[in-house]
C-alpha atoms as a PDB file:
ATOM      1  CA  MET A   1     -21.519 -42.436  21.815  1.00  0.00           C
ATOM      2  CA  SER A   2     -23.447 -39.650  23.510  1.00  0.00           C
ATOM      3  CA  ALA A   3     -24.487 -36.517  21.687  1.00  0.00           C
ATOM      4  CA  THR A   4     -21.853 -34.477  23.519  1.00  0.00           C
ATOM      5  CA  GLY A   5     -19.022 -36.890  22.683  1.00  0.00           C
ATOM      6  CA  SER A   6     -16.352 -38.400  24.890  1.00  0.00           C
ATOM      7  CA  ALA A   7     -13.888 -36.369  26.967  1.00  0.00           C
ATOM      8  CA  PRO A   8     -10.924 -37.045  24.599  1.00  0.00           C
ATOM      9  CA  ASP A   9     -13.051 -35.950  21.637  1.00  0.00           C
ATOM     10  CA  ARG A  10     -13.966 -32.691  23.357  1.00  0.00           C
ATOM     11  CA  THR A  11     -10.322 -32.065  24.308  1.00  0.00           C
ATOM     12  CA  GLN A  12      -9.195 -32.635  20.723  1.00  0.00           C
ATOM     13  CA  ALA A  13     -11.919 -30.301  19.451  1.00  0.00           C
ATOM     14  CA  ARG A  14     -10.536 -27.520  21.650  1.00  0.00           C
ATOM     15  CA  THR A  15      -6.996 -28.051  20.330  1.00  0.00           C
ATOM     16  CA  PRO A  16      -6.155 -26.166  17.098  1.00  0.00           C
ATOM     17  CA  SER A  17      -5.536 -28.552  14.220  1.00  0.00           C
ATOM     18  CA  TRP A  18      -2.008 -27.187  13.681  1.00  0.00           C
ATOM     19  CA  ALA A  19      -1.046 -28.071  17.274  1.00  0.00           C
ATOM     20  CA  ARG A  20      -2.240 -31.689  17.276  1.00  0.00           C
ATOM     21  CA  PRO A  21       0.317 -34.489  16.860  1.00  0.00           C
ATOM     22  CA  VAL A  22       0.498 -35.847  13.315  1.00  0.00           C
ATOM     23  CA  LEU A  23       0.261 -39.628  13.601  1.00  0.00           C
ATOM     24  CA  PRO A  24      -1.164 -41.454  10.586  1.00  0.00           C
ATOM     25  CA  PRO A  25      -3.259 -44.589  11.054  1.00  0.00           C
ATOM     26  CA  GLY A  26      -1.086 -47.611  11.793  1.00  0.00           C
ATOM     27  CA  SER A  27       1.805 -45.686  13.356  1.00  0.00           C
ATOM     28  CA  GLY A  28       3.895 -48.086  15.433  1.00  0.00           C
ATOM     29  CA  PRO A  29       4.640 -47.757  19.138  1.00  0.00           C
ATOM     30  CA  ALA A  30       8.205 -46.578  18.405  1.00  0.00           C
ATOM     31  CA  THR A  31       6.812 -43.490  16.664  1.00  0.00           C
ATOM     32  CA  ARG A  32       4.675 -42.588  19.676  1.00  0.00           C
ATOM     33  CA  VAL A  33       7.469 -43.300  22.152  1.00  0.00           C
ATOM     34  CA  LEU A  34       9.869 -41.038  20.263  1.00  0.00           C
ATOM     35  CA  LEU A  35       7.334 -38.225  20.121  1.00  0.00           C
ATOM     36  CA  VAL A  36       6.690 -38.537  23.876  1.00  0.00           C
ATOM     37  CA  ALA A  37      10.456 -38.619  24.489  1.00  0.00           C
ATOM     38  CA  PHE A  38      10.888 -35.406  22.476  1.00  0.00           C
ATOM     39  CA  ALA A  39       8.122 -33.752  24.505  1.00  0.00           C
ATOM     40  CA  ALA A  40       9.694 -34.956  27.758  1.00  0.00           C
ATOM     41  CA  ALA A  41      13.177 -33.725  26.794  1.00  0.00           C
ATOM     42  CA  THR A  42      11.667 -30.367  25.838  1.00  0.00           C
ATOM     43  CA  ALA A  43       9.877 -30.139  29.192  1.00  0.00           C
ATOM     44  CA  VAL A  44      13.100 -30.974  31.068  1.00  0.00           C
ATOM     45  CA  ASP A  45      15.054 -28.391  29.096  1.00  0.00           C
ATOM     46  CA  LEU A  46      12.504 -25.629  29.611  1.00  0.00           C
ATOM     47  CA  GLY A  47      12.057 -26.528  33.270  1.00  0.00           C
ATOM     48  CA  SER A  48      15.822 -26.431  33.750  1.00  0.00           C
ATOM     49  CA  LEU A  49      15.996 -22.983  32.223  1.00  0.00           C
ATOM     50  CA  LEU A  50      13.191 -21.711  34.445  1.00  0.00           C
ATOM     51  CA  ALA A  51      14.865 -23.199  37.515  1.00  0.00           C
ATOM     52  CA  GLY A  52      18.320 -21.941  36.572  1.00  0.00           C
ATOM     53  CA  TRP A  53      19.647 -25.528  36.472  1.00  0.00           C
ATOM     54  CA  HIS A  54      22.330 -25.228  33.819  1.00  0.00           C
ATOM     55  CA  THR A  55      23.332 -28.901  33.983  1.00  0.00           C
ATOM     56  CA  GLY A  56      19.791 -29.957  33.093  1.00  0.00           C
ATOM     57  CA  HIS A  57      19.887 -27.681  30.059  1.00  0.00           C
ATOM     58  CA  LEU A  58      23.249 -29.102  28.975  1.00  0.00           C
ATOM     59  CA  ILE A  59      21.816 -32.621  29.188  1.00  0.00           C
ATOM     60  CA  ALA A  60      18.393 -32.044  27.641  1.00  0.00           C
ATOM     61  CA  LYS A  61      19.099 -29.599  24.816  1.00  0.00           C
ATOM     62  CA  PRO A  62      21.383 -31.944  22.789  1.00  0.00           C
ATOM     63  CA  LEU A  63      18.661 -34.618  22.906  1.00  0.00           C
ATOM     64  CA  LEU A  64      15.923 -32.565  21.266  1.00  0.00           C
ATOM     65  CA  MET A  65      16.809 -32.732  17.587  1.00  0.00           C
ATOM     66  CA  PRO A  66      18.056 -36.363  17.587  1.00  0.00           C
ATOM     67  CA  LEU A  67      14.719 -37.423  19.095  1.00  0.00           C
ATOM     68  CA  LEU A  68      12.798 -35.359  16.546  1.00  0.00           C
ATOM     69  CA  VAL A  69      14.952 -36.807  13.736  1.00  0.00           C
ATOM     70  CA  ALA A  70      14.285 -40.348  14.965  1.00  0.00           C
ATOM     71  CA  TYR A  71      10.549 -39.618  15.121  1.00  0.00           C
ATOM     72  CA  ALA A  72      10.567 -38.157  11.611  1.00  0.00           C
ATOM     73  CA  ALA A  73      12.561 -41.114  10.293  1.00  0.00           C
ATOM     74  CA  THR A  74       9.905 -43.552  11.549  1.00  0.00           C
ATOM     75  CA  ARG A  75       7.416 -41.513   9.520  1.00  0.00           C
ATOM     76  CA  ARG A  76       9.520 -41.952   6.356  1.00  0.00           C
ATOM     77  CA  ALA A  77      10.440 -38.277   6.318  1.00  0.00           C
ATOM     78  CA  PRO A  78      12.063 -36.634   3.293  1.00  0.00           C
ATOM     79  CA  ARG A  79      15.842 -36.647   3.538  1.00  0.00           C
ATOM     80  CA  LEU A  80      15.946 -32.875   3.298  1.00  0.00           C
ATOM     81  CA  LEU A  81      13.806 -32.636   6.435  1.00  0.00           C
ATOM     82  CA  ILE A  82      16.190 -34.976   8.265  1.00  0.00           C
ATOM     83  CA  ALA A  83      19.135 -32.862   7.053  1.00  0.00           C
ATOM     84  CA  ALA A  84      17.474 -29.624   8.185  1.00  0.00           C
ATOM     85  CA  LEU A  85      16.883 -31.027  11.672  1.00  0.00           C
ATOM     86  CA  LEU A  86      20.440 -32.368  11.908  1.00  0.00           C
ATOM     87  CA  PHE A  87      21.870 -28.994  10.930  1.00  0.00           C
ATOM     88  CA  GLY A  88      19.654 -27.542  13.662  1.00  0.00           C
ATOM     89  CA  TRP A  89      21.240 -30.016  16.079  1.00  0.00           C
ATOM     90  CA  GLY A  90      24.684 -28.801  15.007  1.00  0.00           C
ATOM     91  CA  GLY A  91      23.603 -25.250  15.752  1.00  0.00           C
ATOM     92  CA  ASP A  92      22.231 -26.305  19.139  1.00  0.00           C
ATOM     93  CA  LEU A  93      25.539 -27.884  20.122  1.00  0.00           C
ATOM     94  CA  ALA A  94      27.589 -24.897  18.978  1.00  0.00           C
ATOM     95  CA  LEU A  95      25.450 -22.421  20.918  1.00  0.00           C
ATOM     96  CA  LEU A  96      26.091 -24.310  24.141  1.00  0.00           C
ATOM     97  CA  PHE A  97      29.501 -22.575  24.100  1.00  0.00           C
ATOM     98  CA  ASP A  98      29.580 -18.885  24.977  1.00  0.00           C
ATOM     99  CA  ALA A  99      32.089 -17.587  22.436  1.00  0.00           C
ATOM    100  CA  ASP A 100      31.924 -15.611  19.191  1.00  0.00           C
ATOM    101  CA  PRO A 101      33.434 -18.411  17.030  1.00  0.00           C
ATOM    102  CA  ALA A 102      30.858 -20.874  18.422  1.00  0.00           C
ATOM    103  CA  PHE A 103      28.086 -18.352  17.686  1.00  0.00           C
ATOM    104  CA  LEU A 104      29.226 -18.028  14.067  1.00  0.00           C
ATOM    105  CA  ILE A 105      29.537 -21.805  13.664  1.00  0.00           C
ATOM    106  CA  GLY A 106      26.062 -22.268  15.103  1.00  0.00           C
ATOM    107  CA  MET A 107      24.626 -19.598  12.838  1.00  0.00           C
ATOM    108  CA  GLY A 108      26.251 -21.272   9.838  1.00  0.00           C
ATOM    109  CA  SER A 109      24.783 -24.649  10.793  1.00  0.00           C
ATOM    110  CA  PHE A 110      21.319 -23.193  11.188  1.00  0.00           C
ATOM    111  CA  ALA A 111      21.735 -21.396   7.851  1.00  0.00           C
ATOM    112  CA  ALA A 112      22.472 -24.717   6.151  1.00  0.00           C
ATOM    113  CA  GLY A 113      19.302 -26.087   7.742  1.00  0.00           C
ATOM    114  CA  HIS A 114      17.288 -23.186   6.343  1.00  0.00           C
ATOM    115  CA  VAL A 115      18.626 -23.937   2.866  1.00  0.00           C
ATOM    116  CA  CYS A 116      17.426 -27.534   3.283  1.00  0.00           C
ATOM    117  CA  TYR A 117      14.012 -26.289   4.336  1.00  0.00           C
ATOM    118  CA  LEU A 118      13.803 -23.895   1.388  1.00  0.00           C
ATOM    119  CA  VAL A 119      14.589 -26.663  -1.097  1.00  0.00           C
ATOM    120  CA  LEU A 120      12.179 -28.984   0.713  1.00  0.00           C
ATOM    121  CA  PHE A 121       9.302 -26.512   0.416  1.00  0.00           C
ATOM    122  CA  GLY A 122       9.553 -26.633  -3.378  1.00  0.00           C
ATOM    123  CA  ARG A 123       7.651 -24.224  -5.622  1.00  0.00           C
ATOM    124  CA  ARG A 124       4.189 -24.310  -4.099  1.00  0.00           C
ATOM    125  CA  ARG A 125       2.611 -20.848  -4.065  1.00  0.00           C
ATOM    126  CA  THR A 126       2.698 -18.484  -1.089  1.00  0.00           C
ATOM    127  CA  GLY A 127       0.861 -15.209  -0.504  1.00  0.00           C
ATOM    128  CA  PRO A 128       2.464 -11.988  -1.765  1.00  0.00           C
ATOM    129  CA  LEU A 129       1.008  -9.965   1.127  1.00  0.00           C
ATOM    130  CA  LEU A 130       2.668 -12.318   3.590  1.00  0.00           C
ATOM    131  CA  GLY A 131       5.912 -11.882   1.681  1.00  0.00           C
ATOM    132  CA  ALA A 132       5.613  -8.108   1.939  1.00  0.00           C
ATOM    133  CA  ALA A 133       5.013  -8.372   5.691  1.00  0.00           C
ATOM    134  CA  TYR A 134       8.082 -10.562   6.155  1.00  0.00           C
ATOM    135  CA  ALA A 135      10.182  -8.215   4.015  1.00  0.00           C
ATOM    136  CA  ALA A 136       9.104  -5.248   6.144  1.00  0.00           C
ATOM    137  CA  ALA A 137       9.909  -7.188   9.321  1.00  0.00           C
ATOM    138  CA  LEU A 138      13.359  -8.094   7.979  1.00  0.00           C
ATOM    139  CA  LEU A 139      14.213  -4.547   6.969  1.00  0.00           C
ATOM    140  CA  SER A 140      13.023  -2.986  10.225  1.00  0.00           C
ATOM    141  CA  THR A 141      14.701  -5.603  12.447  1.00  0.00           C
ATOM    142  CA  VAL A 142      18.091  -5.401  10.732  1.00  0.00           C
ATOM    143  CA  THR A 143      17.946  -1.596  10.682  1.00  0.00           C
ATOM    144  CA  LEU A 144      17.136  -1.383  14.381  1.00  0.00           C
ATOM    145  CA  LEU A 145      19.722  -3.971  15.437  1.00  0.00           C
ATOM    146  CA  TRP A 146      22.548  -2.844  13.168  1.00  0.00           C
ATOM    147  CA  GLY A 147      24.097  -0.149  15.349  1.00  0.00           C
ATOM    148  CA  ASP A 148      23.956  -2.277  18.517  1.00  0.00           C
ATOM    149  CA  LEU A 149      25.518  -5.428  17.063  1.00  0.00           C
ATOM    150  CA  PRO A 150      29.280  -6.020  17.324  1.00  0.00           C
ATOM    151  CA  ALA A 151      30.859  -4.770  14.088  1.00  0.00           C
ATOM    152  CA  GLU A 152      32.191  -8.194  13.112  1.00  0.00           C
ATOM    153  CA  LEU A 153      28.721  -9.756  13.410  1.00  0.00           C
ATOM    154  CA  ARG A 154      26.685  -7.207  11.470  1.00  0.00           C
ATOM    155  CA  ILE A 155      27.139  -8.650   7.970  1.00  0.00           C
ATOM    156  CA  PRO A 156      26.810 -12.312   9.057  1.00  0.00           C
ATOM    157  CA  VAL A 157      23.658 -11.546  11.077  1.00  0.00           C
ATOM    158  CA  ALA A 158      22.128  -9.561   8.204  1.00  0.00           C
ATOM    159  CA  GLY A 159      22.808 -12.368   5.716  1.00  0.00           C
ATOM    160  CA  TYR A 160      21.505 -15.000   8.088  1.00  0.00           C
ATOM    161  CA  SER A 161      18.395 -12.910   8.782  1.00  0.00           C
ATOM    162  CA  LEU A 162      17.641 -12.745   5.063  1.00  0.00           C
ATOM    163  CA  LEU A 163      17.875 -16.523   4.737  1.00  0.00           C
ATOM    164  CA  LEU A 164      15.846 -17.134   7.903  1.00  0.00           C
ATOM    165  CA  THR A 165      13.108 -14.745   6.803  1.00  0.00           C
ATOM    166  CA  ALA A 166      12.917 -16.407   3.385  1.00  0.00           C
ATOM    167  CA  MET A 167      12.514 -19.793   5.075  1.00  0.00           C
ATOM    168  CA  ALA A 168       9.817 -18.476   7.406  1.00  0.00           C
ATOM    169  CA  TYR A 169       7.907 -16.972   4.498  1.00  0.00           C
ATOM    170  CA  ARG A 170       8.194 -20.035   2.264  1.00  0.00           C
ATOM    171  CA  SER A 171       7.143 -22.379   5.090  1.00  0.00           C
ATOM    172  CA  SER A 172       3.572 -21.227   4.524  1.00  0.00           C
ATOM    173  CA  ALA A 173       3.635 -23.210   1.270  1.00  0.00           C
ATOM    174  CA  LEU A 174       3.053 -26.353   3.351  1.00  0.00           C
ATOM    175  CA  GLY A 175       0.084 -25.041   5.300  1.00  0.00           C
ATOM    176  CA  ARG A 176      -0.719 -23.373   8.603  1.00  0.00           C
ATOM    177  CA  ARG A 177       1.239 -25.737  10.843  1.00  0.00           C
ATOM    178  CA  ALA A 178       4.525 -25.238   8.989  1.00  0.00           C
ATOM    179  CA  ALA A 179       3.826 -21.506   8.597  1.00  0.00           C
ATOM    180  CA  ILE A 180       3.517 -21.085  12.367  1.00  0.00           C
ATOM    181  CA  GLY A 181       6.707 -23.091  12.785  1.00  0.00           C
ATOM    182  CA  GLY A 182       8.561 -20.786  10.408  1.00  0.00           C
ATOM    183  CA  ALA A 183       7.272 -17.691  12.202  1.00  0.00           C
ATOM    184  CA  LEU A 184       8.310 -19.081  15.597  1.00  0.00           C
ATOM    185  CA  PHE A 185      11.797 -19.876  14.271  1.00  0.00           C
ATOM    186  CA  LEU A 186      12.114 -16.260  13.154  1.00  0.00           C
ATOM    187  CA  LEU A 187      10.908 -15.063  16.561  1.00  0.00           C
ATOM    188  CA  SER A 188      13.339 -17.341  18.414  1.00  0.00           C
ATOM    189  CA  ASP A 189      16.372 -16.165  16.469  1.00  0.00           C
ATOM    190  CA  THR A 190      15.269 -12.540  16.741  1.00  0.00           C
ATOM    191  CA  LEU A 191      15.265 -12.966  20.522  1.00  0.00           C
ATOM    192  CA  ILE A 192      18.837 -14.276  20.297  1.00  0.00           C
ATOM    193  CA  ALA A 193      19.861 -11.310  18.148  1.00  0.00           C
ATOM    194  CA  THR A 194      18.403  -8.804  20.598  1.00  0.00           C
ATOM    195  CA  GLY A 195      20.436 -10.483  23.334  1.00  0.00           C
ATOM    196  CA  VAL A 196      23.627 -10.201  21.285  1.00  0.00           C
ATOM    197  CA  ALA A 197      22.771  -6.527  20.704  1.00  0.00           C
ATOM    198  CA  GLU A 198      22.340  -6.169  24.493  1.00  0.00           C
ATOM    199  CA  TRP A 199      18.767  -4.942  24.272  1.00  0.00           C
ATOM    200  CA  PRO A 200      16.548  -5.231  27.376  1.00  0.00           C
ATOM    201  CA  GLN A 201      15.356  -8.837  27.705  1.00  0.00           C
ATOM    202  CA  LEU A 202      12.339 -10.664  29.080  1.00  0.00           C
ATOM    203  CA  PRO A 203      12.868 -12.519  32.382  1.00  0.00           C
ATOM    204  CA  ARG A 204      14.564 -15.881  31.694  1.00  0.00           C
ATOM    205  CA  PRO A 205      15.336 -15.008  28.038  1.00  0.00           C
ATOM    206  CA  ASP A 206      16.865 -18.439  27.330  1.00  0.00           C
ATOM    207  CA  PHE A 207      13.531 -20.034  28.241  1.00  0.00           C
ATOM    208  CA  TRP A 208      11.672 -18.020  25.612  1.00  0.00           C
ATOM    209  CA  VAL A 209      14.353 -18.694  22.994  1.00  0.00           C
ATOM    210  CA  MET A 210      14.173 -22.454  23.550  1.00  0.00           C
ATOM    211  CA  ALA A 211      10.381 -22.580  23.883  1.00  0.00           C
ATOM    212  CA  THR A 212       9.855 -20.876  20.535  1.00  0.00           C
ATOM    213  CA  TYR A 213      12.685 -22.856  18.901  1.00  0.00           C
ATOM    214  CA  ALA A 214      11.490 -26.301  20.025  1.00  0.00           C
ATOM    215  CA  ALA A 215       7.931 -25.482  18.957  1.00  0.00           C
ATOM    216  CA  ALA A 216       9.224 -24.172  15.623  1.00  0.00           C
ATOM    217  CA  GLN A 217      11.179 -27.298  14.747  1.00  0.00           C
ATOM    218  CA  TYR A 218       8.322 -29.562  15.820  1.00  0.00           C
ATOM    219  CA  LEU A 219       5.769 -27.656  13.754  1.00  0.00           C
ATOM    220  CA  LEU A 220       8.039 -27.444  10.709  1.00  0.00           C
ATOM    221  CA  ALA A 221       8.779 -31.171  10.867  1.00  0.00           C
ATOM    222  CA  THR A 222       5.205 -32.290  11.432  1.00  0.00           C
ATOM    223  CA  GLY A 223       3.935 -29.730   8.923  1.00  0.00           C
ATOM    224  CA  ALA A 224       6.200 -31.238   6.268  1.00  0.00           C
ATOM    225  CA  LEU A 225       5.069 -34.734   7.229  1.00  0.00           C
ATOM    226  CA  ALA A 226       1.416 -33.682   7.067  1.00  0.00           C
ATOM    227  CA  ALA A 227       1.939 -32.184   3.612  1.00  0.00           C
ATOM    228  CA  GLN A 228       3.628 -35.375   2.476  1.00  0.00           C
ATOM    229  CA  ARG A 229       0.690 -37.417   3.718  1.00  0.00           C
ATOM    230  CA  ALA A 230      -1.939 -35.089   2.224  1.00  0.00           C
ATOM    231  CA  TYR A 231      -0.410 -34.386  -1.177  1.00  0.00           C
ATOM    232  CA  GLY A 232       2.030 -37.200  -1.730  1.00  0.00           C
ATOM    233  CA  ARG A 233       5.753 -36.989  -2.358  1.00  0.00           C
ATOM    234  CA  GLU A 234       5.295 -34.417  -5.134  1.00  0.00           C
ATOM    235  CA  ALA A 235       4.459 -31.851  -2.433  1.00  0.00           C
ATOM    236  CA  LEU A 236       8.035 -32.014  -1.184  1.00  0.00           C
ATOM    237  CA  GLN A 237      11.425 -32.155  -2.811  1.00  0.00           C
ATOM    238  CA  GLY A 238      13.728 -35.171  -2.670  1.00  0.00           C
ATOM    239  CA  PRO A 239      13.468 -38.831  -1.698  1.00  0.00           C
ATOM    240  CA  THR A 240      12.212 -40.097   1.641  1.00  0.00           C
ATOM    241  CA  ILE A 241      13.892 -42.123   4.356  1.00  0.00           C
ATOM    242  CA  SER A 242      12.813 -45.710   3.781  1.00  0.00           C
END
């Protein structure tokens, strides 16, 4: 090997460690295929949203979480991680329908997923300053959105926001990768809430919602898998998928 290293080595060195795929030695081809399939489905979904191709979004979005679940299962993921991703899939399906009942059902499914994540993260320590920052973000966001939300959604959105913020904060217990995933999940759902409140939106708002959401779920899942590999099963709560 030359002193400068090969091209793949240099590319990997430029990629932050939290963004690199987590594939332990000996991972089978099915694991890699599923991860590539998840990336491809994500690219199709985001491309469809940018192009305004609604049919492509309807096809690709429901595939995202099942592919990520299948990938995680080949990595012997904790059952709580699988449950969290499946509840996310339930929320994805519900939000394909543009109606208030579907929105509430989707929010409830995502909330159940956040509970799974919170239990999965266990009791590992997190920073109090980070907790204070998340608490300030929660209070300011709910306060600003409150008057612009439909009256019947104010309490549900506030309760969901509390649970989501707790999950985002506690995700840092599993390291930087999971912490970024938790923060992106919070950002994604905040973008949805601003849309419900009819605030001014970025161009192609659905693209930004899905981009941050897909990245969030990927980073949370692979962050949990990395923690399991680094610290053993005691780092996470519950049995694994065998």
